Amino acid sequence: MTLAHNDGDWERVARSGRTRGREDAATRPRVLVVDDDEDGRAALEKLLRADGFATSTAPDGETAIAEASRARPHVVLADLQMQPLDGVELCRRLHEIDRDLPVIVMTAHSDMQSVIESLRVGAEDYLLKPLEYEAVRWCVERAVTRRTERLEVERQRAQIGALLGNLSEGVVIADASGSILMINDAARAILGLGDEDRPTLDALDSLAVHDLKGQPLTSAERPLVRALRSEPYVDYEVVLRKRSNGESRRVVSTGTSTRDAAGNVSLAIVLFRDVTDLRRLEQQRDEYVELISHDLRNPLSSTLMFLSTLKRAITKKGTTEHMHLVERAERNLWRMNAMLEEITQAASLESDALALRPVTCDLREIVDRVVDPMDDARARRITIEADDASPYLVFGDPSQLERVVANLLTNALKYSAEEAPVSVWLARTGGDVDLCVIDRGIGIAPESLVTLFDRYQRTTAGKAHASGLGLGLYIARQIVEAHHGQIQVFSEVGKGSTFRLTLPADTRSA
């Protein structure tokens, strides 16, 4: 091997070597030089070592394989024209030891066919003789950098694979063309796929999938295709019939996508979750609630009738001494009836059984209908304000919206001092109608605001006033969301709360 260099090369390399030589040899990139030309091999090793690389050498291919097995190099510099094992075969054999090992072949111009063959079997690069050391060093450093980057990518991919592999949710990742890049074991199990390396988009499209009404999904409606269209979605529920045993499963998916610098979809990611057992439990719960409601309402109704009869008898006899006890028992029974109603309606809302009967209605009139039946003491505390005198029209179910407003006003009165005012404010914002209920009561602690509209939630600040099951605001949220609206709360302990109900304005009559 011929190596072209000058005195300046040796001086520069010597200075670099004195600096890098102090580094721990175990951390320096290791270069294996394979050449049957002893002088050229020695000169190249000396230059690389002085430039801070750890080096080893081999005079032939078999020795190189043994050396690479003993101490894995970061890069191999191999001459193509060696006997009995040439550079092409050496490259192939080295990649059996380490498939990511960069091999740089060194050859004369006349060996270009061998160079092409070596590149075909995985060589990283090639150098033409006579060698220029600067070119050698540049190729080696680039190969080390590429190998480090590849190993880092592989490490990250392994970490991601381990993470996704341990998830109970199924994960499918596809590129913009629909090629499946990654699918974890949970996704295979949920979708009923086999153990093939990577299923195709066609394989996913061939799955027997129906919507909740029993209609087969078209290709455009399938979860992965929706994500590839850059259509983000959450909790898209379908019925999947597995090929293996014909079993039907309820599967919920959430899809998203990432975009490249040009704004085009680069990756589609879909999460799958099997909710079959959860839906079965929810059905059992609904049946249980219905059974309890039915079995409790009958004796409750009978007891209320008995109390009504007892009240009449007491009044008729004129002995009203114990009437207050009967009235207290009656109030408690009505309270129990209200709790049963809340439990039943909450279960119905969760099972999507809320039947709305929407009509054009005025939120101002709904507030009036809630306030009118109140006793004078409570009604006097409520003031209604509006931006103007015109109707605040929405398209909704009046009885359900009355329930929401009644809940908000009742809470505002209950969690305020006996004489504290409560304001109802009506306004228009863009294409929406806002209804705000504002009190100056005890307020709500910050830690309670996050879960205030969840099931069975009651504020910590209101324990002294708390009664019921904590379902009122949960039901209110479900009703508002069924009307495509939003309900929010703003509060500060000791200063009061504001509940804002936002509903789409009814513009059909405009």
Protein backbone atom coordinates (compact mmCIF):
# COMPACT_ATOMS: atom_id res chain seq x y z
CA MET A 1 0.00 0.00 0.00
CA THR A 2 1.31 3.44 -0.88
CA LEU A 3 0.57 6.25 1.61
CA ALA A 4 1.24 9.82 0.52
CA HIS A 5 2.25 12.21 3.32
CA ASN A 6 4.74 14.97 4.11
CA ASP A 7 6.74 16.14 7.13
CA GLY A 8 3.99 18.54 8.06
CA ASP A 9 1.58 15.60 8.34
CA TRP A 10 3.87 13.81 10.77
CA GLU A 11 4.40 16.95 12.89
CA ARG A 12 0.68 17.76 13.07
CA VAL A 13 -0.26 14.19 13.83
CA ALA A 14 2.45 13.95 16.50
CA ARG A 15 1.07 17.03 18.30
CA SER A 16 -2.47 15.68 18.07
CA GLY A 17 -1.31 12.30 19.30
CA ARG A 18 0.36 13.78 22.38
CA THR A 19 -2.95 15.46 23.27
CA ARG A 20 -5.27 12.55 22.54
CA GLY A 21 -2.86 9.99 23.88
CA ARG A 22 -3.75 11.11 27.36
CA GLU A 23 -7.35 10.04 26.81
CA ASP A 24 -8.51 6.69 28.08
CA ALA A 25 -7.79 4.19 25.29
CA ALA A 26 -11.07 2.41 25.98
CA THR A 27 -13.02 5.50 24.93
CA ARG A 28 -11.14 6.13 21.68
CA PRO A 29 -12.52 4.85 18.38
CA ARG A 30 -10.79 1.60 17.39
CA VAL A 31 -9.64 1.18 13.79
CA LEU A 32 -8.63 -2.21 12.38
CA VAL A 33 -6.21 -1.90 9.44
CA VAL A 34 -6.16 -4.97 7.17
CA ASP A 35 -3.48 -5.09 4.44
CA ASP A 36 -0.93 -7.62 3.26
CA ASP A 37 1.54 -4.78 2.60
CA GLU A 38 3.44 -4.63 5.89
CA ASP A 39 5.06 -1.21 5.35
CA GLY A 40 1.87 0.49 4.26
CA ARG A 41 -0.06 -1.16 7.11
CA ALA A 42 2.48 0.04 9.67
CA ALA A 43 2.59 3.59 8.32
CA LEU A 44 -1.21 3.91 8.34
CA GLU A 45 -1.42 2.49 11.85
CA LYS A 46 1.22 4.94 13.10
CA LEU A 47 -0.60 7.96 11.63
CA LEU A 48 -4.00 6.87 12.99
CA ARG A 49 -2.61 6.09 16.43
CA ALA A 50 -0.82 9.46 16.57
CA ASP A 51 -4.13 11.10 15.60
CA GLY A 52 -5.79 9.68 18.70
CA PHE A 53 -7.34 6.47 17.37
CA ALA A 54 -6.88 3.09 19.02
CA THR A 55 -5.56 0.74 16.34
CA SER A 56 -4.95 -2.91 15.56
CA THR A 57 -3.72 -4.57 12.37
CA ALA A 58 -4.08 -7.79 10.42
CA PRO A 59 -2.05 -9.06 7.41
CA ASP A 60 -4.95 -11.05 5.90
CA GLY A 61 -8.68 -11.62 6.05
CA GLU A 62 -8.73 -14.60 8.41
CA THR A 63 -6.56 -12.80 10.94
CA ALA A 64 -8.80 -9.75 10.61
CA ILE A 65 -11.89 -11.82 11.40
CA ALA A 66 -10.21 -13.27 14.48
CA GLU A 67 -9.11 -9.79 15.60
CA ALA A 68 -12.59 -8.31 15.04
CA SER A 69 -14.11 -11.14 17.08
CA ARG A 70 -11.65 -10.56 19.90
CA ALA A 71 -11.92 -6.75 20.11
CA ARG A 72 -14.77 -5.19 18.15
CA PRO A 73 -13.47 -2.26 16.05
CA HIS A 74 -15.44 0.88 15.26
CA VAL A 75 -14.10 0.99 11.68
CA VAL A 76 -12.22 -1.42 9.41
CA LEU A 77 -9.82 -0.26 6.66
CA ALA A 78 -9.41 -3.25 4.33
CA ASP A 79 -7.38 -3.71 1.15
CA LEU A 80 -9.42 -5.31 -1.63
CA GLN A 81 -6.60 -7.36 -3.21
CA MET A 82 -5.70 -9.93 -0.56
CA GLN A 83 -5.37 -13.69 -0.67
CA PRO A 84 -6.93 -16.07 0.06
CA LEU A 85 -9.79 -13.93 1.47
CA ASP A 86 -10.32 -10.79 -0.64
CA GLY A 87 -11.86 -7.54 0.59
CA VAL A 88 -15.34 -8.34 -0.72
CA GLU A 89 -15.57 -11.64 1.14
CA LEU A 90 -13.98 -10.07 4.21
CA CYS A 91 -16.67 -7.37 4.25
CA ARG A 92 -19.37 -10.05 4.08
CA ARG A 93 -17.77 -12.08 6.89
CA LEU A 94 -17.25 -9.04 9.12
CA HIS A 95 -20.92 -8.12 8.83
CA GLU A 96 -21.79 -11.56 10.12
CA ILE A 97 -20.00 -10.54 13.31
CA ASP A 98 -21.38 -6.99 13.41
CA ARG A 99 -23.94 -5.99 10.80
CA ASP A 100 -23.39 -2.27 11.51
CA LEU A 101 -19.58 -2.36 11.32
CA PRO A 102 -18.32 0.30 8.83
CA VAL A 103 -15.84 -1.21 6.35
CA ILE A 104 -13.83 1.14 4.14
CA VAL A 105 -12.13 -0.64 1.24
CA MET A 106 -8.82 0.53 -0.26
CA THR A 107 -8.05 -0.18 -3.89
CA ALA A 108 -6.40 0.93 -7.09
CA HIS A 109 -8.37 2.40 -10.01
CA SER A 110 -8.26 -0.93 -11.83
CA ASP A 111 -10.30 -2.62 -9.08
CA MET A 112 -13.53 -0.60 -9.51
CA GLN A 113 -15.60 -3.69 -10.25
CA SER A 114 -14.49 -5.13 -6.90
CA VAL A 115 -15.30 -1.80 -5.27
CA ILE A 116 -18.84 -1.96 -6.64
CA GLU A 117 -19.19 -5.52 -5.39
CA SER A 118 -17.93 -4.54 -1.94
CA LEU A 119 -20.40 -1.66 -1.75
CA ARG A 120 -23.13 -4.07 -2.78
CA VAL A 121 -22.36 -6.32 0.20
CA GLY A 122 -22.32 -3.39 2.63
CA ALA A 123 -19.01 -1.52 2.49
CA GLU A 124 -19.30 1.98 3.95
CA ASP A 125 -16.94 3.77 1.53
CA TYR A 126 -13.82 3.30 -0.59
CA LEU A 127 -10.40 4.97 -0.95
CA LEU A 128 -8.20 5.00 -4.02
CA LYS A 129 -4.47 4.34 -3.85
CA PRO A 130 -2.09 6.00 -3.45
CA LEU A 131 -3.77 7.09 -0.21
CA GLU A 132 -3.86 10.66 1.00
CA TYR A 133 -3.89 10.56 4.80
CA GLU A 134 -6.27 13.53 5.10
CA ALA A 135 -8.79 11.60 2.99
CA VAL A 136 -8.25 8.50 5.14
CA ARG A 137 -8.77 10.43 8.37
CA TRP A 138 -11.88 12.16 7.00
CA CYS A 139 -13.41 8.83 5.89
CA VAL A 140 -12.65 7.20 9.24
CA GLU A 141 -14.08 10.08 11.29
CA ARG A 142 -17.20 10.19 9.15
CA ALA A 143 -17.65 6.43 9.50
CA VAL A 144 -17.25 6.67 13.29
CA THR A 145 -19.83 9.49 13.42
CA ARG A 146 -22.30 7.58 11.27
CA ARG A 147 -21.86 4.44 13.33
CA THR A 148 -22.40 6.40 16.55
CA GLU A 149 -25.54 7.97 15.12
CA ARG A 150 -26.85 4.61 13.92
CA LEU A 151 -26.20 3.03 17.29
CA GLU A 152 -27.95 5.92 19.02
CA VAL A 153 -30.95 5.55 16.72
CA GLU A 154 -30.99 1.81 17.37
CA ARG A 155 -30.75 2.43 21.12
CA GLN A 156 -33.63 4.90 21.05
CA ARG A 157 -35.64 2.55 18.84
CA ALA A 158 -35.00 -0.29 21.29
CA GLN A 159 -36.05 1.91 24.21
CA ILE A 160 -39.21 2.97 22.40
CA GLY A 161 -39.88 -0.64 21.42
CA ALA A 162 -39.45 -1.76 25.03
CA LEU A 163 -41.72 1.04 26.25
CA LEU A 164 -44.44 0.37 23.68
CA GLY A 165 -44.08 -3.36 24.14
CA ASN A 166 -45.02 -3.01 27.82
CA LEU A 167 -48.07 -0.86 27.16
CA SER A 168 -51.49 -2.43 27.56
CA GLU A 169 -52.73 -0.15 24.76
CA GLY A 170 -52.06 -1.16 21.18
CA VAL A 171 -49.84 1.16 19.13
CA VAL A 172 -49.55 1.27 15.34
CA ILE A 173 -47.24 3.74 13.56
CA ALA A 174 -47.27 4.16 9.78
CA ASP A 175 -45.46 6.43 7.35
CA ALA A 176 -47.19 8.73 4.87
CA SER A 177 -47.52 5.94 2.29
CA GLY A 178 -49.31 3.69 4.78
CA SER A 179 -46.38 1.34 5.39
CA ILE A 180 -46.48 0.02 8.93
CA LEU A 181 -43.30 1.04 10.70
CA MET A 182 -44.12 -0.33 14.14
CA ILE A 183 -46.84 -2.39 15.79
CA ASN A 184 -46.62 -3.63 19.36
CA ASP A 185 -47.80 -6.94 20.76
CA ALA A 186 -50.84 -5.35 22.41
CA ALA A 187 -52.05 -4.06 19.02
CA ARG A 188 -51.62 -7.51 17.49
CA ALA A 189 -53.67 -9.04 20.29
CA ILE A 190 -56.41 -6.38 20.21
CA LEU A 191 -56.75 -6.48 16.41
CA GLY A 192 -56.39 -10.25 16.20
CA LEU A 193 -53.35 -10.13 13.92
CA GLY A 194 -50.82 -12.92 13.46
CA ASP A 195 -47.09 -12.91 14.21
CA GLU A 196 -45.94 -11.68 10.81
CA ASP A 197 -43.17 -9.09 11.07
CA ARG A 198 -45.22 -6.10 9.98
CA PRO A 199 -48.77 -6.28 8.69
CA THR A 200 -49.67 -4.06 5.74
CA LEU A 201 -52.32 -1.39 5.48
CA ASP A 202 -54.30 -3.78 3.27
CA ALA A 203 -54.20 -6.37 6.06
CA LEU A 204 -55.66 -3.83 8.49
CA ASP A 205 -58.30 -2.80 5.92
CA SER A 206 -59.37 -6.42 5.54
CA LEU A 207 -60.35 -6.71 9.21
CA ALA A 208 -64.09 -7.09 9.82
CA VAL A 209 -64.94 -3.78 11.51
CA HIS A 210 -68.40 -2.25 12.05
CA ASP A 211 -69.68 0.92 13.65
CA LEU A 212 -71.84 0.75 16.78
CA LYS A 213 -74.96 0.53 14.61
CA GLY A 214 -73.66 -2.60 12.88
CA GLN A 215 -72.72 -0.97 9.57
CA PRO A 216 -69.38 -2.07 8.00
CA LEU A 217 -66.72 0.64 8.02
CA THR A 218 -65.55 1.89 4.65
CA SER A 219 -61.82 2.17 4.02
CA ALA A 220 -61.99 5.94 4.59
CA GLU A 221 -63.60 5.43 8.02
CA ARG A 222 -60.89 3.09 9.33
CA PRO A 223 -58.77 4.43 12.21
CA LEU A 224 -55.35 4.37 10.52
CA VAL A 225 -56.66 5.85 7.27
CA ARG A 226 -58.26 8.71 9.21
CA ALA A 227 -54.93 9.43 10.90
CA LEU A 228 -53.13 9.32 7.55
CA ARG A 229 -55.59 11.97 6.31
CA SER A 230 -54.40 14.13 9.21
CA GLU A 231 -57.80 13.83 10.87
CA PRO A 232 -57.11 13.76 14.62
CA TYR A 233 -59.75 11.98 16.69
CA VAL A 234 -60.26 10.67 20.21
CA ASP A 235 -62.17 7.62 21.51
CA TYR A 236 -63.46 6.39 18.15
CA GLU A 237 -65.34 3.22 19.08
CA VAL A 238 -66.01 0.34 16.69
CA VAL A 239 -66.89 -3.34 16.82
CA LEU A 240 -64.16 -5.69 15.59
CA ARG A 241 -64.80 -9.34 14.71
CA LYS A 242 -61.64 -11.40 15.14
CA ARG A 243 -60.72 -13.83 12.40
CA SER A 244 -59.29 -16.44 14.75
CA ASN A 245 -62.47 -17.21 16.69
CA GLY A 246 -65.18 -14.91 15.30
CA GLU A 247 -65.45 -13.11 18.65
CA SER A 248 -66.75 -9.53 18.57
CA ARG A 249 -64.80 -6.97 20.59
CA ARG A 250 -65.43 -3.29 21.31
CA VAL A 251 -62.30 -1.32 20.39
CA VAL A 252 -61.65 2.37 21.01
CA SER A 253 -58.94 4.19 19.03
CA THR A 254 -57.26 7.58 19.20
CA GLY A 255 -55.38 8.84 16.16
CA THR A 256 -52.98 11.66 15.39
CA SER A 257 -50.26 12.50 12.89
CA THR A 258 -47.00 14.41 12.60
CA ARG A 259 -46.00 16.68 9.72
CA ASP A 260 -42.74 17.42 7.97
CA ALA A 261 -41.28 20.86 7.27
CA ALA A 262 -43.46 21.19 4.16
CA GLY A 263 -46.61 20.55 6.18
CA ASN A 264 -47.27 17.08 4.77
CA VAL A 265 -48.15 14.08 6.94
CA SER A 266 -44.98 12.17 7.77
CA LEU A 267 -46.24 9.73 10.42
CA ALA A 268 -49.63 8.47 11.55
CA ILE A 269 -49.97 7.13 15.09
CA VAL A 270 -53.01 5.22 16.32
CA LEU A 271 -53.62 3.91 19.85
CA PHE A 272 -56.06 1.02 20.34
CA ARG A 273 -57.79 -0.02 23.54
CA ASP A 274 -60.08 -3.01 24.04
CA VAL A 275 -63.08 -1.81 26.07
CA THR A 276 -65.23 -4.93 25.70
CA ASP A 277 -65.05 -5.85 29.39
CA LEU A 278 -65.59 -2.24 30.42
CA ARG A 279 -68.71 -1.96 28.27
CA ARG A 280 -69.99 -5.21 29.75
CA LEU A 281 -69.49 -3.86 33.26
CA GLU A 282 -71.19 -0.60 32.31
CA GLN A 283 -74.18 -2.53 31.00
CA GLN A 284 -74.35 -4.54 34.22
CA ARG A 285 -74.12 -1.31 36.22
CA ASP A 286 -76.97 0.26 34.24
CA GLU A 287 -79.12 -2.81 34.75
CA TYR A 288 -78.28 -2.77 38.46
CA VAL A 289 -79.15 0.93 38.76
CA GLU A 290 -82.40 0.39 36.91
CA LEU A 291 -83.27 -2.52 39.18
CA ILE A 292 -82.49 -0.53 42.33
CA SER A 293 -84.40 2.48 41.08
CA HIS A 294 -87.45 0.38 40.27
CA ASP A 295 -87.39 -1.59 43.53
CA LEU A 296 -86.89 1.51 45.69
CA ARG A 297 -89.36 3.81 43.98
CA ASN A 298 -92.36 1.60 44.73
CA PRO A 299 -91.94 1.52 48.53
CA LEU A 300 -90.86 5.16 48.46
CA SER A 301 -94.01 6.15 46.63
CA SER A 302 -96.16 4.09 49.03
CA THR A 303 -94.49 5.64 52.07
CA LEU A 304 -95.06 9.15 50.75
CA MET A 305 -98.75 8.32 50.25
CA PHE A 306 -98.95 6.95 53.81
CA LEU A 307 -97.37 10.14 55.16
CA SER A 308 -99.83 12.25 53.16
CA THR A 309 -102.71 10.26 54.62
CA LEU A 310 -101.20 10.65 58.10
CA LYS A 311 -100.92 14.43 57.68
CA ARG A 312 -104.59 14.65 56.72
CA ALA A 313 -105.59 12.55 59.72
CA ILE A 314 -103.54 14.69 62.09
CA THR A 315 -105.00 17.88 60.61
CA LYS A 316 -108.54 16.48 60.82
CA LYS A 317 -108.14 15.56 64.49
CA GLY A 318 -106.59 18.94 65.22
CA THR A 319 -103.63 17.38 67.02
CA THR A 320 -100.78 18.99 65.09
CA GLU A 321 -98.21 18.60 67.86
CA HIS A 322 -96.15 16.08 65.92
CA MET A 323 -96.84 17.41 62.42
CA HIS A 324 -93.28 18.74 62.11
CA LEU A 325 -91.91 15.20 62.48
CA VAL A 326 -94.11 13.95 59.67
CA GLU A 327 -93.09 16.87 57.46
CA ARG A 328 -89.39 16.19 58.18
CA ALA A 329 -89.84 12.54 57.23
CA GLU A 330 -91.62 13.63 54.05
CA ARG A 331 -88.78 16.00 53.11
CA ASN A 332 -86.23 13.24 53.62
CA LEU A 333 -88.22 10.90 51.42
CA TRP A 334 -88.39 13.50 48.65
CA ARG A 335 -84.65 13.97 49.07
CA MET A 336 -84.17 10.21 48.60
CA ASN A 337 -86.37 10.39 45.51
CA ALA A 338 -84.19 13.18 44.09
CA MET A 339 -81.07 11.07 44.71
CA LEU A 340 -82.63 8.14 42.86
CA GLU A 341 -83.48 10.47 39.99
CA GLU A 342 -79.88 11.71 39.83
CA ILE A 343 -78.45 8.18 39.84
CA THR A 344 -80.85 7.07 37.11
CA GLN A 345 -80.20 10.09 34.90
CA ALA A 346 -76.41 9.87 35.36
CA ALA A 347 -76.49 6.24 34.23
CA SER A 348 -78.65 7.16 31.25
CA LEU A 349 -76.32 9.96 30.22
CA GLU A 350 -73.27 7.69 30.38
CA SER A 351 -74.96 5.11 28.18
CA ASP A 352 -75.85 7.80 25.60
CA ALA A 353 -79.51 7.26 26.38
CA LEU A 354 -80.35 10.95 26.92
CA ALA A 355 -83.21 11.70 24.54
CA LEU A 356 -83.23 15.42 23.76
CA ARG A 357 -86.33 17.09 22.38
CA PRO A 358 -84.79 20.29 21.02
CA VAL A 359 -86.84 23.33 20.06
CA THR A 360 -86.08 27.01 19.76
CA CYS A 361 -86.12 28.37 23.31
CA ASP A 362 -85.17 31.57 25.13
CA LEU A 363 -82.63 31.22 27.95
CA ARG A 364 -84.17 34.27 29.67
CA GLU A 365 -87.54 32.52 29.82
CA ILE A 366 -85.88 29.34 31.13
CA VAL A 367 -84.33 31.32 33.98
CA ASP A 368 -87.73 32.88 34.77
CA ARG A 369 -89.37 29.44 34.87
CA VAL A 370 -86.74 28.25 37.35
CA VAL A 371 -87.03 31.33 39.62
CA ASP A 372 -90.85 31.69 39.63
CA PRO A 373 -91.65 28.60 41.78
CA MET A 374 -89.08 29.61 44.43
CA ASP A 375 -90.21 31.01 47.76
CA ASP A 376 -90.04 34.79 48.12
CA ALA A 377 -86.94 34.78 50.31
CA ARG A 378 -84.82 32.97 47.73
CA ALA A 379 -86.37 34.64 44.66
CA ARG A 380 -85.61 38.12 46.08
CA ARG A 381 -81.91 37.28 46.22
CA ILE A 382 -81.72 36.58 42.46
CA THR A 383 -81.24 39.40 39.95
CA ILE A 384 -81.30 38.84 36.18
CA GLU A 385 -79.22 41.08 33.91
CA ALA A 386 -78.84 41.05 30.13
CA ASP A 387 -77.07 43.03 27.43
CA ASP A 388 -80.41 43.88 25.81
CA ALA A 389 -84.10 43.05 25.94
CA SER A 390 -84.18 40.75 22.90
CA PRO A 391 -84.55 36.95 23.33
CA TYR A 392 -81.46 34.84 23.91
CA LEU A 393 -82.38 31.99 21.60
CA VAL A 394 -80.78 28.55 21.59
CA PHE A 395 -81.85 25.27 20.03
CA GLY A 396 -82.25 22.89 22.95
CA ASP A 397 -84.42 20.78 25.19
CA PRO A 398 -86.13 23.26 27.57
CA SER A 399 -86.72 20.74 30.35
CA GLN A 400 -83.08 19.60 30.37
CA LEU A 401 -81.75 23.17 30.23
CA GLU A 402 -84.09 24.11 33.09
CA ARG A 403 -82.50 21.32 35.09
CA VAL A 404 -79.04 22.78 34.47
CA VAL A 405 -80.06 26.34 35.40
CA ALA A 406 -81.92 25.08 38.48
CA ASN A 407 -78.83 23.19 39.63
CA LEU A 408 -76.58 26.25 39.21
CA LEU A 409 -79.00 28.60 40.99
CA THR A 410 -79.69 26.13 43.81
CA ASN A 411 -75.96 25.69 44.43
CA ALA A 412 -75.35 29.46 44.32
CA LEU A 413 -78.07 30.04 46.93
CA LYS A 414 -77.01 27.12 49.10
CA TYR A 415 -73.32 28.01 49.24
CA SER A 416 -73.92 31.71 49.98
CA ALA A 417 -74.98 33.55 53.11
CA GLU A 418 -78.75 33.76 53.63
CA GLU A 419 -79.01 37.35 52.42
CA ALA A 420 -76.18 37.28 49.84
CA PRO A 421 -77.29 38.20 46.29
CA VAL A 422 -77.00 35.87 43.29
CA SER A 423 -76.75 37.31 39.78
CA VAL A 424 -77.74 35.76 36.47
CA TRP A 425 -76.09 37.46 33.50
CA LEU A 426 -77.03 36.86 29.85
CA ALA A 427 -74.83 37.91 26.93
CA ARG A 428 -73.92 37.08 23.35
CA THR A 429 -70.37 36.21 22.34
CA GLY A 430 -69.83 35.64 18.64
CA GLY A 431 -72.17 32.84 17.62
CA ASP A 432 -72.83 31.73 21.20
CA VAL A 433 -75.12 32.65 24.07
CA ASP A 434 -73.57 32.90 27.54
CA LEU A 435 -75.43 32.46 30.81
CA CYS A 436 -73.44 33.21 33.96
CA VAL A 437 -74.54 32.48 37.52
CA ILE A 438 -72.52 34.60 39.96
CA ASP A 439 -72.56 34.25 43.73
CA ARG A 440 -70.62 35.86 46.56
CA GLY A 441 -70.46 32.74 48.68
CA ILE A 442 -67.78 30.54 50.21
CA GLY A 443 -66.05 29.82 46.90
CA ILE A 444 -64.35 26.63 45.73
CA ALA A 445 -60.83 25.48 46.61
CA PRO A 446 -58.41 25.31 43.64
CA GLU A 447 -57.83 21.58 44.11
CA SER A 448 -61.59 20.96 43.74
CA LEU A 449 -62.00 22.95 40.52
CA VAL A 450 -60.25 20.33 38.39
CA THR A 451 -62.72 17.55 39.24
CA LEU A 452 -65.80 19.63 40.06
CA PHE A 453 -67.81 18.32 37.09
CA ASP A 454 -66.87 14.68 37.66
CA ARG A 455 -69.15 12.07 39.20
CA TYR A 456 -69.68 12.10 42.98
CA GLN A 457 -67.63 15.27 43.47
CA ARG A 458 -68.43 17.77 46.20
CA THR A 459 -66.26 20.73 47.12
CA THR A 460 -64.10 20.57 50.23
CA ALA A 461 -65.07 24.13 51.15
CA GLY A 462 -68.74 23.22 51.21
CA LYS A 463 -68.75 20.19 53.51
CA ALA A 464 -70.99 21.91 56.01
CA HIS A 465 -73.57 22.54 53.26
CA ALA A 466 -73.04 19.30 51.35
CA SER A 467 -75.97 17.03 50.71
CA GLY A 468 -76.83 14.69 47.90
CA LEU A 469 -74.53 12.47 45.90
CA GLY A 470 -72.39 15.02 44.08
CA LEU A 471 -74.00 14.23 40.73
CA GLY A 472 -75.69 17.55 40.01
CA LEU A 473 -72.82 19.29 38.23
CA TYR A 474 -71.81 16.06 36.51
CA ILE A 475 -75.33 15.76 35.06
CA ALA A 476 -75.28 19.46 34.15
CA ARG A 477 -72.05 18.99 32.20
CA GLN A 478 -73.42 15.95 30.37
CA ILE A 479 -76.58 17.85 29.38
CA VAL A 480 -74.64 20.92 28.22
CA GLU A 481 -72.20 18.83 26.17
CA ALA A 482 -75.16 16.97 24.61
CA HIS A 483 -76.26 20.43 23.40
CA HIS A 484 -72.76 21.00 21.94
CA GLY A 485 -72.09 23.58 24.61
CA GLN A 486 -69.62 24.13 27.42
CA ILE A 487 -69.83 24.77 31.15
CA GLN A 488 -67.01 26.39 33.12
CA VAL A 489 -66.35 27.59 36.66
CA PHE A 490 -64.24 30.43 38.03
CA SER A 491 -63.91 30.71 41.78
CA GLU A 492 -61.89 32.01 44.70
CA VAL A 493 -62.30 30.79 48.26
CA GLY A 494 -64.10 33.34 50.40
CA LYS A 495 -65.13 35.53 47.45
CA GLY A 496 -67.62 33.43 45.51
CA SER A 497 -67.98 31.57 42.23
CA THR A 498 -69.05 32.16 38.64
CA PHE A 499 -70.49 29.34 36.53
CA ARG A 500 -70.61 30.12 32.82
CA LEU A 501 -72.85 28.15 30.50
CA THR A 502 -72.12 28.62 26.78
CA LEU A 503 -74.50 27.31 24.11
CA PRO A 504 -74.61 27.79 20.31
CA ALA A 505 -77.07 30.51 19.39
CA ASP A 506 -80.08 29.48 17.33
CA THR A 507 -79.73 31.51 14.15
CA ARG A 508 -82.30 29.67 12.04
CA SER A 509 -84.98 32.32 12.58
CA ALA A 510 -82.55 35.23 12.12
